[in-house]
Structures are given as C-alpha cells and as structure tokens.
Amino acid sequence: MRLPLLTLGLTVIVALAVASVFLFILYDDDAVTTADAVVVLAGSRFRLPVGLELVERGVAPVLVISDGLDPRSPLANRLCRNRAQVLCPKPDPYSTRGEARLVSRLADERGWDSIVVVSSRFHLFRSRILFERCYNGRLAFVGAPIQWWRWPGAVASEWAKLGAATVRRGC
C-alpha cells in the first residue's frame, strides 16, 4: 500500500514541476508591434525598465504604471510626477484582477484597441487569463526578469493564485 501512494505522490510532484517549467519559467513573450498603451503591473522593480524600453522603442505613446506612486519605487514616482503621457492609477482591489479591471476601464475611456502588458515572466500566464476576461481589445504580454532565488516562492505562490483565478470566474 505504501509503494503505490509513494509512486502517486512522486508522479504528482514531477507533473507539477514539469507544468511549472512550461507555465511560469519558459512562458514566451508575445510578438509586440504597436499598441495604444504599455501597462506595467505592480509587484517587481524589474518590470518598469522593460515597460520604459518598449515605450522608448515606439511600441506605444502611453505608459501606464500600476500604483506608480508607491514610495518603494523612486523611478516610478519620478515618471508619474514628470511626464504627461504617464498614467499612474492605483488598482482597487490591489491585485492582478484589479489591474485588469482598471486597465479595461482606462481603455474604454481612452478608446484604446491594443495594450502591451509587462509583468514578471512567472506571472504572464495568469495575467493573460485575467486580462482576457476583462478586456476585449488586442493584448500582448512581455515578461520581465526576476532573481533566480525567487523562482521557487514565486512559482508556489503563482500556483495558489492560479487556482483562485480558476475558481473565481468573470472579470
């Protein structure tokens, strides 16, 4: 009886590890051409430089920094205070779902048809699910790097949040 349970347990662990690699680590960026806005999701200081680089390349004329006035992000604070084409709203609720709702509302108000979303690579899969529920325009997703030692915690957290996103339907 112990051997079948051990085999089942190991099989589940291996399956989760393999799925984690494909869903969170090797998840590819979308091909990005042009968009109405680049949206940088809150949560990591490595995301904003990726969003800035996309805007500087001419991908979009507008940069949206979710919670750009967070005191822990001096660069976002400077940008949000000094640039006319930088929007820095705070999502409510403060979550990826809240960000998707906020961006959808901004897109409706401003007539945006396409958006590039920047987040950490491990977060792209779930972000896509939530944004597709809330926004009907064209979406592209670009991943920002994270430190290698953060991967285990990020992947474990993302599995839990993916489960919650699966259960909570709708925008």
C-alpha atoms as a PDB file:
ATOM      1  CA  MET A   1       0.000   0.000   0.000  1.00  0.00           C
ATOM      2  CA  ARG A   2       2.877   2.400   0.763  1.00  0.00           C
ATOM      3  CA  LEU A   3       4.561   1.895  -2.620  1.00  0.00           C
ATOM      4  CA  PRO A   4       1.513   2.916  -4.724  1.00  0.00           C
ATOM      5  CA  LEU A   5       1.000   6.018  -2.554  1.00  0.00           C
ATOM      6  CA  LEU A   6       4.671   6.920  -2.821  1.00  0.00           C
ATOM      7  CA  THR A   7       4.559   6.408  -6.592  1.00  0.00           C
ATOM      8  CA  LEU A   8       1.437   8.557  -6.872  1.00  0.00           C
ATOM      9  CA  GLY A   9       2.995  11.295  -4.730  1.00  0.00           C
ATOM     10  CA  LEU A  10       6.192  11.346  -6.780  1.00  0.00           C
ATOM     11  CA  THR A  11       4.196  11.385 -10.016  1.00  0.00           C
ATOM     12  CA  VAL A  12       2.200  14.401  -8.842  1.00  0.00           C
ATOM     13  CA  ILE A  13       5.375  16.233  -7.780  1.00  0.00           C
ATOM     14  CA  VAL A  14       7.077  15.561 -11.122  1.00  0.00           C
ATOM     15  CA  ALA A  15       3.947  16.605 -13.049  1.00  0.00           C
ATOM     16  CA  LEU A  16       3.734  19.877 -11.082  1.00  0.00           C
ATOM     17  CA  ALA A  17       7.434  20.548 -11.626  1.00  0.00           C
ATOM     18  CA  VAL A  18       7.158  19.981 -15.382  1.00  0.00           C
ATOM     19  CA  ALA A  19       3.993  22.077 -15.633  1.00  0.00           C
ATOM     20  CA  SER A  20       5.679  24.840 -13.605  1.00  0.00           C
ATOM     21  CA  VAL A  21       8.588  24.998 -16.021  1.00  0.00           C
ATOM     22  CA  PHE A  22       6.281  25.454 -19.010  1.00  0.00           C
ATOM     23  CA  LEU A  23       3.642  27.711 -17.401  1.00  0.00           C
ATOM     24  CA  PHE A  24       5.864  30.004 -15.361  1.00  0.00           C
ATOM     25  CA  ILE A  25       9.518  29.795 -16.412  1.00  0.00           C
ATOM     26  CA  LEU A  26       9.575  29.143 -20.172  1.00  0.00           C
ATOM     27  CA  TYR A  27       6.361  31.034 -20.954  1.00  0.00           C
ATOM     28  CA  ASP A  28       7.139  33.064 -24.084  1.00  0.00           C
ATOM     29  CA  ASP A  29       6.642  36.761 -24.666  1.00  0.00           C
ATOM     30  CA  ASP A  30       4.156  37.690 -27.360  1.00  0.00           C
ATOM     31  CA  ALA A  31       5.354  39.304 -30.565  1.00  0.00           C
ATOM     32  CA  VAL A  32       4.954  43.028 -29.966  1.00  0.00           C
ATOM     33  CA  THR A  33       4.425  45.501 -32.796  1.00  0.00           C
ATOM     34  CA  THR A  34       2.487  48.589 -31.754  1.00  0.00           C
ATOM     35  CA  ALA A  35      -0.186  49.294 -29.169  1.00  0.00           C
ATOM     36  CA  ASP A  36      -2.138  52.165 -27.682  1.00  0.00           C
ATOM     37  CA  ALA A  37      -0.528  51.719 -24.254  1.00  0.00           C
ATOM     38  CA  VAL A  38       2.124  49.758 -22.381  1.00  0.00           C
ATOM     39  CA  VAL A  39       0.873  48.701 -18.937  1.00  0.00           C
ATOM     40  CA  VAL A  40       3.410  47.829 -16.228  1.00  0.00           C
ATOM     41  CA  LEU A  41       1.824  45.750 -13.465  1.00  0.00           C
ATOM     42  CA  ALA A  42       2.770  46.394  -9.831  1.00  0.00           C
ATOM     43  CA  GLY A  43       4.876  43.928  -7.913  1.00  0.00           C
ATOM     44  CA  SER A  44       8.506  43.997  -9.078  1.00  0.00           C
ATOM     45  CA  ARG A  45      11.103  46.684  -9.711  1.00  0.00           C
ATOM     46  CA  PHE A  46      12.323  44.756 -12.765  1.00  0.00           C
ATOM     47  CA  ARG A  47       9.090  45.355 -14.688  1.00  0.00           C
ATOM     48  CA  LEU A  48       9.295  49.135 -15.144  1.00  0.00           C
ATOM     49  CA  PRO A  49      12.580  49.166 -17.136  1.00  0.00           C
ATOM     50  CA  VAL A  50      11.028  46.671 -19.579  1.00  0.00           C
ATOM     51  CA  GLY A  51       7.955  48.885 -19.987  1.00  0.00           C
ATOM     52  CA  LEU A  52      10.088  52.008 -20.446  1.00  0.00           C
ATOM     53  CA  GLU A  53      12.182  50.279 -23.083  1.00  0.00           C
ATOM     54  CA  LEU A  54       9.030  49.323 -25.006  1.00  0.00           C
ATOM     55  CA  VAL A  55       7.759  52.927 -24.941  1.00  0.00           C
ATOM     56  CA  GLU A  56      11.171  54.279 -25.961  1.00  0.00           C
ATOM     57  CA  ARG A  57      11.186  51.828 -28.898  1.00  0.00           C
ATOM     58  CA  GLY A  58       7.932  53.391 -30.041  1.00  0.00           C
ATOM     59  CA  VAL A  59       5.651  50.460 -29.224  1.00  0.00           C
ATOM     60  CA  ALA A  60       3.096  52.803 -27.595  1.00  0.00           C
ATOM     61  CA  PRO A  61       2.764  56.513 -26.822  1.00  0.00           C
ATOM     62  CA  VAL A  62       1.310  55.953 -23.336  1.00  0.00           C
ATOM     63  CA  LEU A  63       2.858  54.229 -20.319  1.00  0.00           C
ATOM     64  CA  VAL A  64       0.552  53.065 -17.515  1.00  0.00           C
ATOM     65  CA  ILE A  65       2.316  52.212 -14.246  1.00  0.00           C
ATOM     66  CA  SER A  66       0.018  50.374 -11.879  1.00  0.00           C
ATOM     67  CA  ASP A  67       0.467  52.002  -8.462  1.00  0.00           C
ATOM     68  CA  GLY A  68       3.241  54.241  -9.801  1.00  0.00           C
ATOM     69  CA  LEU A  69       3.135  56.414  -6.695  1.00  0.00           C
ATOM     70  CA  ASP A  70       4.220  53.568  -4.423  1.00  0.00           C
ATOM     71  CA  PRO A  71       7.000  55.096  -2.264  1.00  0.00           C
ATOM     72  CA  ARG A  72       9.117  51.954  -2.721  1.00  0.00           C
ATOM     73  CA  SER A  73       9.620  52.806  -6.416  1.00  0.00           C
ATOM     74  CA  PRO A  74      11.544  56.091  -6.825  1.00  0.00           C
ATOM     75  CA  LEU A  75      11.807  55.740 -10.627  1.00  0.00           C
ATOM     76  CA  ALA A  76       8.054  55.225 -10.986  1.00  0.00           C
ATOM     77  CA  ASN A  77       7.467  58.188  -8.662  1.00  0.00           C
ATOM     78  CA  ARG A  78       9.649  60.470 -10.821  1.00  0.00           C
ATOM     79  CA  LEU A  79       7.973  59.320 -14.027  1.00  0.00           C
ATOM     80  CA  CYS A  80       4.480  59.685 -12.625  1.00  0.00           C
ATOM     81  CA  ARG A  81       5.162  63.216 -11.470  1.00  0.00           C
ATOM     82  CA  ASN A  82       7.022  64.494 -14.549  1.00  0.00           C
ATOM     83  CA  ARG A  83       5.603  63.002 -17.759  1.00  0.00           C
ATOM     84  CA  ALA A  84       2.349  63.938 -19.441  1.00  0.00           C
ATOM     85  CA  GLN A  85       1.867  60.560 -21.138  1.00  0.00           C
ATOM     86  CA  VAL A  86       2.424  58.501 -17.999  1.00  0.00           C
ATOM     87  CA  LEU A  87      -0.644  57.374 -16.067  1.00  0.00           C
ATOM     88  CA  CYS A  88      -0.195  56.084 -12.537  1.00  0.00           C
ATOM     89  CA  PRO A  89      -3.507  54.793 -11.186  1.00  0.00           C
ATOM     90  CA  LYS A  90      -3.821  52.534  -8.160  1.00  0.00           C
ATOM     91  CA  PRO A  91      -5.947  49.427  -8.761  1.00  0.00           C
ATOM     92  CA  ASP A  92      -8.823  48.541  -6.473  1.00  0.00           C
ATOM     93  CA  PRO A  93      -8.742  45.805  -5.389  1.00  0.00           C
ATOM     94  CA  TYR A  94      -4.944  45.769  -5.261  1.00  0.00           C
ATOM     95  CA  SER A  95      -4.494  42.584  -7.269  1.00  0.00           C
ATOM     96  CA  THR A  96      -3.938  41.410 -10.821  1.00  0.00           C
ATOM     97  CA  ARG A  97      -7.719  41.164 -11.202  1.00  0.00           C
ATOM     98  CA  GLY A  98      -7.999  44.780 -10.003  1.00  0.00           C
ATOM     99  CA  GLU A  99      -5.320  45.818 -12.502  1.00  0.00           C
ATOM    100  CA  ALA A 100      -7.168  44.076 -15.330  1.00  0.00           C
ATOM    101  CA  ARG A 101     -10.394  45.873 -14.398  1.00  0.00           C
ATOM    102  CA  LEU A 102      -8.596  49.213 -14.132  1.00  0.00           C
ATOM    103  CA  VAL A 103      -6.853  48.855 -17.491  1.00  0.00           C
ATOM    104  CA  SER A 104     -10.086  47.781 -19.165  1.00  0.00           C
ATOM    105  CA  ARG A 105     -11.809  50.889 -17.809  1.00  0.00           C
ATOM    106  CA  LEU A 106      -8.918  53.125 -18.955  1.00  0.00           C
ATOM    107  CA  ALA A 107      -9.044  51.528 -22.401  1.00  0.00           C
ATOM    108  CA  ASP A 108     -12.778  52.209 -22.661  1.00  0.00           C
ATOM    109  CA  GLU A 109     -12.350  55.824 -21.537  1.00  0.00           C
ATOM    110  CA  ARG A 110      -9.436  56.498 -23.896  1.00  0.00           C
ATOM    111  CA  GLY A 111     -10.506  54.411 -26.880  1.00  0.00           C
ATOM    112  CA  TRP A 112      -7.551  52.025 -26.747  1.00  0.00           C
ATOM    113  CA  ASP A 113      -7.763  48.990 -29.033  1.00  0.00           C
ATOM    114  CA  SER A 114      -4.481  47.327 -28.068  1.00  0.00           C
ATOM    115  CA  ILE A 115      -2.381  47.010 -24.931  1.00  0.00           C
ATOM    116  CA  VAL A 116       1.017  45.514 -24.089  1.00  0.00           C
ATOM    117  CA  VAL A 117       1.134  44.167 -20.523  1.00  0.00           C
ATOM    118  CA  VAL A 118       4.508  43.904 -18.759  1.00  0.00           C
ATOM    119  CA  SER A 119       4.832  41.613 -15.768  1.00  0.00           C
ATOM    120  CA  SER A 120       7.288  39.088 -14.377  1.00  0.00           C
ATOM    121  CA  ARG A 121       7.670  36.019 -16.571  1.00  0.00           C
ATOM    122  CA  PHE A 122       6.168  33.708 -13.925  1.00  0.00           C
ATOM    123  CA  HIS A 123       3.088  35.953 -13.799  1.00  0.00           C
ATOM    124  CA  LEU A 124       2.303  36.108 -17.544  1.00  0.00           C
ATOM    125  CA  PHE A 125       0.085  33.019 -17.781  1.00  0.00           C
ATOM    126  CA  ARG A 126      -2.317  34.110 -15.025  1.00  0.00           C
ATOM    127  CA  SER A 127      -2.180  37.749 -16.133  1.00  0.00           C
ATOM    128  CA  ARG A 128      -3.275  36.696 -19.606  1.00  0.00           C
ATOM    129  CA  ILE A 129      -6.244  34.765 -18.190  1.00  0.00           C
ATOM    130  CA  LEU A 130      -7.416  37.714 -16.086  1.00  0.00           C
ATOM    131  CA  PHE A 131      -6.851  40.417 -18.709  1.00  0.00           C
ATOM    132  CA  GLU A 132      -8.631  38.386 -21.392  1.00  0.00           C
ATOM    133  CA  ARG A 133     -11.659  38.180 -19.093  1.00  0.00           C
ATOM    134  CA  CYS A 134     -11.758  41.964 -18.625  1.00  0.00           C
ATOM    135  CA  TYR A 135     -10.502  43.474 -21.894  1.00  0.00           C
ATOM    136  CA  ASN A 136     -11.805  42.810 -25.399  1.00  0.00           C
ATOM    137  CA  GLY A 137      -9.023  44.521 -27.356  1.00  0.00           C
ATOM    138  CA  ARG A 138      -5.737  43.131 -28.651  1.00  0.00           C
ATOM    139  CA  LEU A 139      -3.348  42.071 -25.888  1.00  0.00           C
ATOM    140  CA  ALA A 140       0.351  41.233 -25.897  1.00  0.00           C
ATOM    141  CA  PHE A 141       2.366  40.140 -22.854  1.00  0.00           C
ATOM    142  CA  VAL A 142       6.071  40.720 -22.183  1.00  0.00           C
ATOM    143  CA  GLY A 143       7.983  39.167 -19.292  1.00  0.00           C
ATOM    144  CA  ALA A 144      10.441  40.933 -17.020  1.00  0.00           C
ATOM    145  CA  PRO A 145      13.243  39.020 -15.289  1.00  0.00           C
ATOM    146  CA  ILE A 146      13.365  38.103 -11.615  1.00  0.00           C
ATOM    147  CA  GLN A 147      16.264  36.954  -9.464  1.00  0.00           C
ATOM    148  CA  TRP A 148      16.846  33.208  -9.729  1.00  0.00           C
ATOM    149  CA  TRP A 149      16.443  32.621  -5.993  1.00  0.00           C
ATOM    150  CA  ARG A 150      12.893  33.986  -6.104  1.00  0.00           C
ATOM    151  CA  TRP A 151      11.655  31.347  -8.567  1.00  0.00           C
ATOM    152  CA  PRO A 152      10.622  28.652  -6.031  1.00  0.00           C
ATOM    153  CA  GLY A 153       8.486  31.016  -3.935  1.00  0.00           C
ATOM    154  CA  ALA A 154       7.106  32.792  -6.994  1.00  0.00           C
ATOM    155  CA  VAL A 155       6.062  29.535  -8.649  1.00  0.00           C
ATOM    156  CA  ALA A 156       4.443  28.178  -5.467  1.00  0.00           C
ATOM    157  CA  SER A 157       2.536  31.434  -4.962  1.00  0.00           C
ATOM    158  CA  GLU A 158       1.508  31.535  -8.611  1.00  0.00           C
ATOM    159  CA  TRP A 159       0.027  28.012  -8.411  1.00  0.00           C
ATOM    160  CA  ALA A 160      -2.156  29.101  -5.489  1.00  0.00           C
ATOM    161  CA  LYS A 161      -3.234  32.300  -7.252  1.00  0.00           C
ATOM    162  CA  LEU A 162      -3.881  30.407 -10.483  1.00  0.00           C
ATOM    163  CA  GLY A 163      -6.184  28.091  -8.535  1.00  0.00           C
ATOM    164  CA  ALA A 164      -8.059  31.089  -7.143  1.00  0.00           C
ATOM    165  CA  ALA A 165      -8.317  32.658 -10.614  1.00  0.00           C
ATOM    166  CA  THR A 166      -9.720  29.404 -11.972  1.00  0.00           C
ATOM    167  CA  VAL A 167     -12.401  29.251  -9.278  1.00  0.00           C
ATOM    168  CA  ARG A 168     -13.328  32.966  -9.442  1.00  0.00           C
ATOM    169  CA  ARG A 169     -14.827  33.377 -12.902  1.00  0.00           C
ATOM    170  CA  GLY A 170     -15.507  36.621 -14.701  1.00  0.00           C
ATOM    171  CA  CYS A 171     -13.726  39.931 -14.595  1.00  0.00           C
END
